[in-house]
Amino acid sequence: MEDLKGKVALVTGSTSGIGKSAAIELASHGVKVTVHGMNEERGSQVVNEIRSLGGDAIFVQMDLSSPEAPRHIIEQTTQHWGALDILVNNAALICNKPLESIEHADWDSLFAVNVKTPFFLVKEALPWLKESSGVVINVSSINRLVNSRNNLVYDAMKAALNHMTRGLSLDLRESGIRVNAIMPGGTATPLLNKWFDMTNHTPEEAEHLLKTAPNITTPEQIAHVIVFLASSQSAWINGAEIPLDGGYFIG
């Protein structure tokens, strides 16, 4: 996708899983990437991998639960690259607890990272996205459409993210900015492993499920769709919620 060459992308939560694969895949198409995460060592590893493949990237370390995070990350990105064309809101927290165990802190932490920060990242990035007729891609979840047991808070946040996606696409379309959401099903990532831990699966059981479940995909497959949505080939896609679940939701 030659039209992506030279563009600048910020991918939150890109030191592992879907975010890491998206950062590497975007870089392979000539996109300059800001890798974001909490772990400096893993962030440096992703940056080095991108550079070893001929791409260009920097790492920004920031806790997304901080109200200062959106401005800081956008400033670091635009000061270094001088532009921002693609924003991938990928970072997320999970909360797998029975109703009786859910606390206010669970709602607050998931809302901050999964909904509030993506909104304010768009807000802080707006001048740059307007200048480039940029693209926002929100990584939601198939849990927007179907609930899973003891996953109420996470499910509600992903539903909110999707609704926000449509609202942003409506408000920003006259500025030439496209906003879409993807809804991956089960994807072999550290986040899914953490969910297995929360649901008391042993490591052996988790590994078996990852290998045998018919609807478990890879981060690389999700990354291909992110690249497509970032490119001009998807120019007529705006406000969409795209399931990436291998047909899981249809039965």
C-alpha atoms as a PDB file:
ATOM      1  CA  MET A   1       0.000   0.000   0.000  1.00  0.00           C
ATOM      2  CA  GLU A   2       2.188   2.757  -1.357  1.00  0.00           C
ATOM      3  CA  ASP A   3      -0.122   5.525  -0.120  1.00  0.00           C
ATOM      4  CA  LEU A   4       0.933   4.766   3.467  1.00  0.00           C
ATOM      5  CA  LYS A   5       4.618   5.440   2.872  1.00  0.00           C
ATOM      6  CA  GLY A   6       5.858   8.390   4.923  1.00  0.00           C
ATOM      7  CA  LYS A   7       2.753   8.671   7.082  1.00  0.00           C
ATOM      8  CA  VAL A   8       2.931   8.753  10.879  1.00  0.00           C
ATOM      9  CA  ALA A   9       1.015   6.434  13.208  1.00  0.00           C
ATOM     10  CA  LEU A  10       0.551   6.244  16.963  1.00  0.00           C
ATOM     11  CA  VAL A  11      -0.415   2.803  18.241  1.00  0.00           C
ATOM     12  CA  THR A  12      -1.274   2.610  21.938  1.00  0.00           C
ATOM     13  CA  GLY A  13      -0.522  -0.578  23.826  1.00  0.00           C
ATOM     14  CA  SER A  14       1.917  -1.677  21.139  1.00  0.00           C
ATOM     15  CA  THR A  15       4.574  -3.521  23.131  1.00  0.00           C
ATOM     16  CA  SER A  16       2.742  -6.840  22.688  1.00  0.00           C
ATOM     17  CA  GLY A  17      -0.243  -8.516  21.069  1.00  0.00           C
ATOM     18  CA  ILE A  18      -2.391  -6.784  18.468  1.00  0.00           C
ATOM     19  CA  GLY A  19      -0.739  -3.414  19.025  1.00  0.00           C
ATOM     20  CA  LYS A  20       2.759  -4.778  18.455  1.00  0.00           C
ATOM     21  CA  SER A  21       1.694  -6.576  15.285  1.00  0.00           C
ATOM     22  CA  ALA A  22      -0.076  -3.446  14.041  1.00  0.00           C
ATOM     23  CA  ALA A  23       3.004  -1.297  14.666  1.00  0.00           C
ATOM     24  CA  ILE A  24       5.272  -3.724  12.817  1.00  0.00           C
ATOM     25  CA  GLU A  25       2.838  -4.192   9.930  1.00  0.00           C
ATOM     26  CA  LEU A  26       2.303  -0.443   9.505  1.00  0.00           C
ATOM     27  CA  ALA A  27       6.067   0.104   9.553  1.00  0.00           C
ATOM     28  CA  SER A  28       6.497  -2.537   6.860  1.00  0.00           C
ATOM     29  CA  HIS A  29       4.413  -0.284   4.591  1.00  0.00           C
ATOM     30  CA  GLY A  30       6.640   2.712   5.230  1.00  0.00           C
ATOM     31  CA  VAL A  31       4.701   4.246   8.118  1.00  0.00           C
ATOM     32  CA  LYS A  32       6.723   5.970  10.848  1.00  0.00           C
ATOM     33  CA  VAL A  33       5.415   4.595  14.136  1.00  0.00           C
ATOM     34  CA  THR A  34       5.185   5.764  17.724  1.00  0.00           C
ATOM     35  CA  VAL A  35       5.175   2.632  19.865  1.00  0.00           C
ATOM     36  CA  HIS A  36       3.482   3.131  23.222  1.00  0.00           C
ATOM     37  CA  GLY A  37       3.361   1.079  26.397  1.00  0.00           C
ATOM     38  CA  MET A  38       4.277   0.814  30.051  1.00  0.00           C
ATOM     39  CA  ASN A  39       7.270  -1.514  29.754  1.00  0.00           C
ATOM     40  CA  GLU A  40      10.348   0.293  28.451  1.00  0.00           C
ATOM     41  CA  GLU A  41      12.272  -2.894  27.727  1.00  0.00           C
ATOM     42  CA  ARG A  42       9.484  -4.384  25.599  1.00  0.00           C
ATOM     43  CA  GLY A  43       8.936  -1.028  23.904  1.00  0.00           C
ATOM     44  CA  SER A  44      12.597  -0.809  22.945  1.00  0.00           C
ATOM     45  CA  GLN A  45      12.446  -4.359  21.602  1.00  0.00           C
ATOM     46  CA  VAL A  46       9.545  -3.460  19.295  1.00  0.00           C
ATOM     47  CA  VAL A  47      11.318  -0.312  18.096  1.00  0.00           C
ATOM     48  CA  ASN A  48      14.498  -2.293  17.421  1.00  0.00           C
ATOM     49  CA  GLU A  49      12.550  -4.960  15.544  1.00  0.00           C
ATOM     50  CA  ILE A  50      10.929  -2.318  13.348  1.00  0.00           C
ATOM     51  CA  ARG A  51      14.287  -0.685  12.653  1.00  0.00           C
ATOM     52  CA  SER A  52      15.910  -4.039  11.885  1.00  0.00           C
ATOM     53  CA  LEU A  53      13.273  -4.530   9.193  1.00  0.00           C
ATOM     54  CA  GLY A  54      14.067  -1.157   7.645  1.00  0.00           C
ATOM     55  CA  GLY A  55      11.335   0.866   9.336  1.00  0.00           C
ATOM     56  CA  ASP A  56      11.430   3.811  11.699  1.00  0.00           C
ATOM     57  CA  ALA A  57       9.910   4.043  15.173  1.00  0.00           C
ATOM     58  CA  ILE A  58      10.177   5.658  18.591  1.00  0.00           C
ATOM     59  CA  PHE A  59       8.878   4.546  21.973  1.00  0.00           C
ATOM     60  CA  VAL A  60       6.789   6.640  24.364  1.00  0.00           C
ATOM     61  CA  GLN A  61       6.230   5.318  27.881  1.00  0.00           C
ATOM     62  CA  MET A  62       3.078   6.531  29.622  1.00  0.00           C
ATOM     63  CA  ASP A  63       0.342   5.265  31.934  1.00  0.00           C
ATOM     64  CA  LEU A  64      -2.938   5.785  30.086  1.00  0.00           C
ATOM     65  CA  SER A  65      -4.861   6.103  33.339  1.00  0.00           C
ATOM     66  CA  SER A  66      -3.193   9.484  33.866  1.00  0.00           C
ATOM     67  CA  PRO A  67      -5.200  12.528  32.692  1.00  0.00           C
ATOM     68  CA  GLU A  68      -1.910  13.892  31.339  1.00  0.00           C
ATOM     69  CA  ALA A  69      -1.348  10.887  29.076  1.00  0.00           C
ATOM     70  CA  PRO A  70      -3.160  11.996  25.898  1.00  0.00           C
ATOM     71  CA  ARG A  71      -1.449  15.371  25.655  1.00  0.00           C
ATOM     72  CA  HIS A  72       1.966  13.941  26.536  1.00  0.00           C
ATOM     73  CA  ILE A  73       1.795  11.112  23.995  1.00  0.00           C
ATOM     74  CA  ILE A  74       0.531  13.333  21.174  1.00  0.00           C
ATOM     75  CA  GLU A  75       3.163  15.976  21.947  1.00  0.00           C
ATOM     76  CA  GLN A  76       5.965  13.403  21.963  1.00  0.00           C
ATOM     77  CA  THR A  77       4.729  11.980  18.668  1.00  0.00           C
ATOM     78  CA  THR A  78       4.242  15.246  16.806  1.00  0.00           C
ATOM     79  CA  GLN A  79       7.395  16.899  18.141  1.00  0.00           C
ATOM     80  CA  HIS A  80       9.450  13.980  16.863  1.00  0.00           C
ATOM     81  CA  TRP A  81       7.727  13.301  13.537  1.00  0.00           C
ATOM     82  CA  GLY A  82       6.127  16.666  12.790  1.00  0.00           C
ATOM     83  CA  ALA A  83       2.864  14.971  11.844  1.00  0.00           C
ATOM     84  CA  LEU A  84       0.225  12.452  12.874  1.00  0.00           C
ATOM     85  CA  ASP A  85      -1.910  10.700  10.268  1.00  0.00           C
ATOM     86  CA  ILE A  86      -3.069   7.474  11.911  1.00  0.00           C
ATOM     87  CA  LEU A  87      -4.232   6.938  15.494  1.00  0.00           C
ATOM     88  CA  VAL A  88      -4.785   3.351  16.626  1.00  0.00           C
ATOM     89  CA  ASN A  89      -6.490   3.204  20.028  1.00  0.00           C
ATOM     90  CA  ASN A  90      -5.535  -0.333  20.950  1.00  0.00           C
ATOM     91  CA  ALA A  91      -4.598  -0.361  24.650  1.00  0.00           C
ATOM     92  CA  ALA A  92      -7.148  -1.911  27.002  1.00  0.00           C
ATOM     93  CA  LEU A  93      -7.626  -3.310  30.483  1.00  0.00           C
ATOM     94  CA  ILE A  94      -9.783  -6.304  31.390  1.00  0.00           C
ATOM     95  CA  CYS A  95     -11.790  -7.179  34.489  1.00  0.00           C
ATOM     96  CA  ASN A  96     -13.061 -10.723  34.859  1.00  0.00           C
ATOM     97  CA  LYS A  97     -14.922 -10.830  38.166  1.00  0.00           C
ATOM     98  CA  PRO A  98     -18.308 -12.028  39.416  1.00  0.00           C
ATOM     99  CA  LEU A  99     -20.756  -9.209  40.025  1.00  0.00           C
ATOM    100  CA  GLU A 100     -20.385  -9.452  43.799  1.00  0.00           C
ATOM    101  CA  SER A 101     -16.639  -8.745  43.580  1.00  0.00           C
ATOM    102  CA  ILE A 102     -16.683  -5.733  41.253  1.00  0.00           C
ATOM    103  CA  GLU A 103     -15.559  -2.484  42.887  1.00  0.00           C
ATOM    104  CA  HIS A 104     -15.803   1.186  41.929  1.00  0.00           C
ATOM    105  CA  ALA A 105     -12.078   1.064  41.178  1.00  0.00           C
ATOM    106  CA  ASP A 106     -12.671  -1.568  38.487  1.00  0.00           C
ATOM    107  CA  TRP A 107     -15.149   0.656  36.667  1.00  0.00           C
ATOM    108  CA  ASP A 108     -12.937   3.706  37.060  1.00  0.00           C
ATOM    109  CA  SER A 109      -9.735   2.076  35.810  1.00  0.00           C
ATOM    110  CA  LEU A 110     -11.337   0.398  32.799  1.00  0.00           C
ATOM    111  CA  PHE A 111     -13.266   3.520  31.849  1.00  0.00           C
ATOM    112  CA  ALA A 112     -10.101   5.632  32.034  1.00  0.00           C
ATOM    113  CA  VAL A 113      -8.046   3.394  29.745  1.00  0.00           C
ATOM    114  CA  ASN A 114     -10.668   1.799  27.480  1.00  0.00           C
ATOM    115  CA  VAL A 115     -12.943   4.789  26.781  1.00  0.00           C
ATOM    116  CA  LYS A 116     -11.829   8.118  28.228  1.00  0.00           C
ATOM    117  CA  THR A 117      -8.224   8.087  27.019  1.00  0.00           C
ATOM    118  CA  PRO A 118      -9.120   7.121  23.425  1.00  0.00           C
ATOM    119  CA  PHE A 119     -11.501  10.095  23.343  1.00  0.00           C
ATOM    120  CA  PHE A 120      -8.917  12.555  24.628  1.00  0.00           C
ATOM    121  CA  LEU A 121      -6.229  11.161  22.339  1.00  0.00           C
ATOM    122  CA  VAL A 122      -8.501  12.014  19.417  1.00  0.00           C
ATOM    123  CA  LYS A 123      -9.119  15.457  20.885  1.00  0.00           C
ATOM    124  CA  GLU A 124      -5.400  16.182  21.347  1.00  0.00           C
ATOM    125  CA  ALA A 125      -4.582  14.798  17.898  1.00  0.00           C
ATOM    126  CA  LEU A 126      -7.366  16.706  16.154  1.00  0.00           C
ATOM    127  CA  PRO A 127      -5.305  19.560  14.642  1.00  0.00           C
ATOM    128  CA  TRP A 128      -2.890  17.060  13.120  1.00  0.00           C
ATOM    129  CA  LEU A 129      -5.602  14.673  11.924  1.00  0.00           C
ATOM    130  CA  LYS A 130      -7.498  17.544  10.306  1.00  0.00           C
ATOM    131  CA  GLU A 131      -4.364  18.658   8.493  1.00  0.00           C
ATOM    132  CA  SER A 132      -3.795  15.213   6.997  1.00  0.00           C
ATOM    133  CA  SER A 133      -7.424  14.023   6.672  1.00  0.00           C
ATOM    134  CA  GLY A 134      -6.313  11.325   9.047  1.00  0.00           C
ATOM    135  CA  VAL A 135      -7.660   8.031  10.292  1.00  0.00           C
ATOM    136  CA  VAL A 136      -8.685   6.788  13.739  1.00  0.00           C
ATOM    137  CA  ILE A 137      -8.966   3.042  14.327  1.00  0.00           C
ATOM    138  CA  ASN A 138     -10.437   1.921  17.639  1.00  0.00           C
ATOM    139  CA  VAL A 139      -9.660  -1.651  18.631  1.00  0.00           C
ATOM    140  CA  SER A 140     -12.860  -2.802  20.276  1.00  0.00           C
ATOM    141  CA  SER A 141     -13.975  -6.408  20.813  1.00  0.00           C
ATOM    142  CA  ILE A 142     -16.593  -8.908  19.736  1.00  0.00           C
ATOM    143  CA  ASN A 143     -17.741  -8.489  23.347  1.00  0.00           C
ATOM    144  CA  ARG A 144     -19.462  -5.367  22.068  1.00  0.00           C
ATOM    145  CA  LEU A 145     -21.975  -7.772  20.525  1.00  0.00           C
ATOM    146  CA  VAL A 146     -21.960 -10.761  22.851  1.00  0.00           C
ATOM    147  CA  ASN A 147     -21.412 -10.971  26.594  1.00  0.00           C
ATOM    148  CA  SER A 148     -19.106 -13.424  28.293  1.00  0.00           C
ATOM    149  CA  ARG A 149     -19.490 -14.665  31.832  1.00  0.00           C
ATOM    150  CA  ASN A 150     -18.117 -12.404  34.599  1.00  0.00           C
ATOM    151  CA  ASN A 151     -16.914  -9.907  31.991  1.00  0.00           C
ATOM    152  CA  LEU A 152     -19.567  -7.230  32.484  1.00  0.00           C
ATOM    153  CA  VAL A 153     -17.324  -4.191  32.993  1.00  0.00           C
ATOM    154  CA  TYR A 154     -15.105  -4.938  29.985  1.00  0.00           C
ATOM    155  CA  ASP A 155     -18.134  -5.666  27.793  1.00  0.00           C
ATOM    156  CA  ALA A 156     -19.738  -2.352  28.760  1.00  0.00           C
ATOM    157  CA  MET A 157     -16.547  -0.438  27.953  1.00  0.00           C
ATOM    158  CA  LYS A 158     -16.272  -1.954  24.498  1.00  0.00           C
ATOM    159  CA  ALA A 159     -19.915  -1.105  23.796  1.00  0.00           C
ATOM    160  CA  ALA A 160     -19.147   2.474  24.838  1.00  0.00           C
ATOM    161  CA  LEU A 161     -16.068   2.585  22.598  1.00  0.00           C
ATOM    162  CA  ASN A 162     -18.121   1.490  19.604  1.00  0.00           C
ATOM    163  CA  HIS A 163     -20.829   4.047  20.269  1.00  0.00           C
ATOM    164  CA  MET A 164     -18.138   6.704  20.601  1.00  0.00           C
ATOM    165  CA  THR A 165     -16.642   5.547  17.299  1.00  0.00           C
ATOM    166  CA  ARG A 166     -19.885   6.252  15.475  1.00  0.00           C
ATOM    167  CA  GLY A 167     -20.271   9.609  17.207  1.00  0.00           C
ATOM    168  CA  LEU A 168     -16.728  10.650  16.324  1.00  0.00           C
ATOM    169  CA  SER A 169     -17.168   9.608  12.709  1.00  0.00           C
ATOM    170  CA  LEU A 170     -20.306  11.746  12.515  1.00  0.00           C
ATOM    171  CA  ASP A 171     -18.710  14.787  14.138  1.00  0.00           C
ATOM    172  CA  LEU A 172     -15.456  14.573  12.187  1.00  0.00           C
ATOM    173  CA  ARG A 173     -16.490  13.471   8.706  1.00  0.00           C
ATOM    174  CA  GLU A 174     -16.703  17.050   7.408  1.00  0.00           C
ATOM    175  CA  SER A 175     -13.061  17.438   8.457  1.00  0.00           C
ATOM    176  CA  GLY A 176     -12.123  14.481   6.271  1.00  0.00           C
ATOM    177  CA  ILE A 177     -11.245  12.293   9.246  1.00  0.00           C
ATOM    178  CA  ARG A 178     -12.405   8.677   9.169  1.00  0.00           C
ATOM    179  CA  VAL A 179     -13.132   6.792  12.404  1.00  0.00           C
ATOM    180  CA  ASN A 180     -13.767   3.050  12.481  1.00  0.00           C
ATOM    181  CA  ALA A 181     -13.783   0.246  15.036  1.00  0.00           C
ATOM    182  CA  ILE A 182     -12.668  -3.334  14.677  1.00  0.00           C
ATOM    183  CA  MET A 183     -14.066  -6.060  16.906  1.00  0.00           C
ATOM    184  CA  PRO A 184     -11.636  -8.959  17.244  1.00  0.00           C
ATOM    185  CA  GLY A 185     -12.820 -12.200  18.717  1.00  0.00           C
ATOM    186  CA  GLY A 186     -10.427 -14.416  20.628  1.00  0.00           C
ATOM    187  CA  THR A 187      -6.876 -13.473  19.646  1.00  0.00           C
ATOM    188  CA  ALA A 188      -3.709 -15.184  20.846  1.00  0.00           C
ATOM    189  CA  THR A 189      -2.288 -12.298  22.890  1.00  0.00           C
ATOM    190  CA  PRO A 190      -1.024 -11.679  26.443  1.00  0.00           C
ATOM    191  CA  LEU A 191      -4.390 -10.030  27.168  1.00  0.00           C
ATOM    192  CA  LEU A 192      -6.180 -13.288  26.357  1.00  0.00           C
ATOM    193  CA  ASN A 193      -3.697 -15.174  28.520  1.00  0.00           C
ATOM    194  CA  LYS A 194      -4.476 -12.784  31.371  1.00  0.00           C
ATOM    195  CA  TRP A 195      -8.170 -13.504  30.875  1.00  0.00           C
ATOM    196  CA  PHE A 196      -7.413 -17.239  31.072  1.00  0.00           C
ATOM    197  CA  ASP A 197      -5.584 -16.580  34.354  1.00  0.00           C
ATOM    198  CA  MET A 198      -8.555 -14.658  35.740  1.00  0.00           C
ATOM    199  CA  THR A 199     -10.877 -17.517  34.824  1.00  0.00           C
ATOM    200  CA  ASN A 200      -8.623 -19.994  36.656  1.00  0.00           C
ATOM    201  CA  HIS A 201      -7.385 -21.911  33.631  1.00  0.00           C
ATOM    202  CA  THR A 202      -4.062 -23.632  34.188  1.00  0.00           C
ATOM    203  CA  PRO A 203      -1.246 -22.687  31.760  1.00  0.00           C
ATOM    204  CA  GLU A 204      -1.670 -26.090  30.115  1.00  0.00           C
ATOM    205  CA  GLU A 205      -5.418 -25.565  29.659  1.00  0.00           C
ATOM    206  CA  ALA A 206      -4.850 -22.077  28.273  1.00  0.00           C
ATOM    207  CA  GLU A 207      -2.277 -23.329  25.776  1.00  0.00           C
ATOM    208  CA  HIS A 208      -4.619 -26.123  24.679  1.00  0.00           C
ATOM    209  CA  LEU A 209      -7.480 -23.651  24.151  1.00  0.00           C
ATOM    210  CA  LEU A 210      -5.273 -21.329  22.107  1.00  0.00           C
ATOM    211  CA  LYS A 211      -4.208 -24.210  19.868  1.00  0.00           C
ATOM    212  CA  THR A 212      -7.578 -25.893  19.400  1.00  0.00           C
ATOM    213  CA  ALA A 213     -10.288 -23.208  19.547  1.00  0.00           C
ATOM    214  CA  PRO A 214     -11.621 -22.735  15.993  1.00  0.00           C
ATOM    215  CA  ASN A 215     -12.198 -19.010  16.425  1.00  0.00           C
ATOM    216  CA  ILE A 216      -8.864 -17.974  17.955  1.00  0.00           C
ATOM    217  CA  THR A 217      -6.927 -15.807  15.510  1.00  0.00           C
ATOM    218  CA  THR A 218      -3.459 -14.276  15.498  1.00  0.00           C
ATOM    219  CA  PRO A 219      -2.496 -10.646  16.120  1.00  0.00           C
ATOM    220  CA  GLU A 220      -0.987 -10.550  12.636  1.00  0.00           C
ATOM    221  CA  GLN A 221      -4.360 -11.222  11.010  1.00  0.00           C
ATOM    222  CA  ILE A 222      -5.915  -8.360  12.967  1.00  0.00           C
ATOM    223  CA  ALA A 223      -2.996  -6.107  11.999  1.00  0.00           C
ATOM    224  CA  HIS A 224      -3.699  -6.664   8.294  1.00  0.00           C
ATOM    225  CA  VAL A 225      -7.162  -5.174   8.753  1.00  0.00           C
ATOM    226  CA  ILE A 226      -5.762  -2.217  10.688  1.00  0.00           C
ATOM    227  CA  VAL A 227      -3.379  -1.477   7.811  1.00  0.00           C
ATOM    228  CA  PHE A 228      -6.233  -1.720   5.315  1.00  0.00           C
ATOM    229  CA  LEU A 229      -8.361   0.722   7.335  1.00  0.00           C
ATOM    230  CA  ALA A 230      -5.407   3.109   7.572  1.00  0.00           C
ATOM    231  CA  SER A 231      -4.953   3.114   3.798  1.00  0.00           C
ATOM    232  CA  SER A 232      -6.796   4.891   1.001  1.00  0.00           C
ATOM    233  CA  GLN A 233      -8.178   1.522  -0.117  1.00  0.00           C
ATOM    234  CA  SER A 234     -10.753   1.897   2.675  1.00  0.00           C
ATOM    235  CA  ALA A 235     -11.549   5.533   1.863  1.00  0.00           C
ATOM    236  CA  TRP A 236     -15.300   4.850   1.745  1.00  0.00           C
ATOM    237  CA  ILE A 237     -15.397   3.090   5.126  1.00  0.00           C
ATOM    238  CA  ASN A 238     -16.341   5.439   7.963  1.00  0.00           C
ATOM    239  CA  GLY A 239     -18.211   4.848  11.221  1.00  0.00           C
ATOM    240  CA  ALA A 240     -18.015   1.089  10.701  1.00  0.00           C
ATOM    241  CA  GLU A 241     -17.861  -1.626  13.359  1.00  0.00           C
ATOM    242  CA  ILE A 242     -16.112  -4.580  11.778  1.00  0.00           C
ATOM    243  CA  PRO A 243     -16.264  -8.031  13.426  1.00  0.00           C
ATOM    244  CA  LEU A 244     -13.028 -10.019  13.132  1.00  0.00           C
ATOM    245  CA  ASP A 245     -14.127 -13.200  14.823  1.00  0.00           C
ATOM    246  CA  GLY A 246     -13.907 -15.964  12.231  1.00  0.00           C
ATOM    247  CA  GLY A 247     -17.697 -16.163  12.146  1.00  0.00           C
ATOM    248  CA  TYR A 248     -18.025 -16.783  15.890  1.00  0.00           C
ATOM    249  CA  PHE A 249     -20.947 -14.428  16.325  1.00  0.00           C
ATOM    250  CA  ILE A 250     -23.077 -16.064  13.627  1.00  0.00           C
ATOM    251  CA  GLY A 251     -23.179 -19.318  15.601  1.00  0.00           C
END
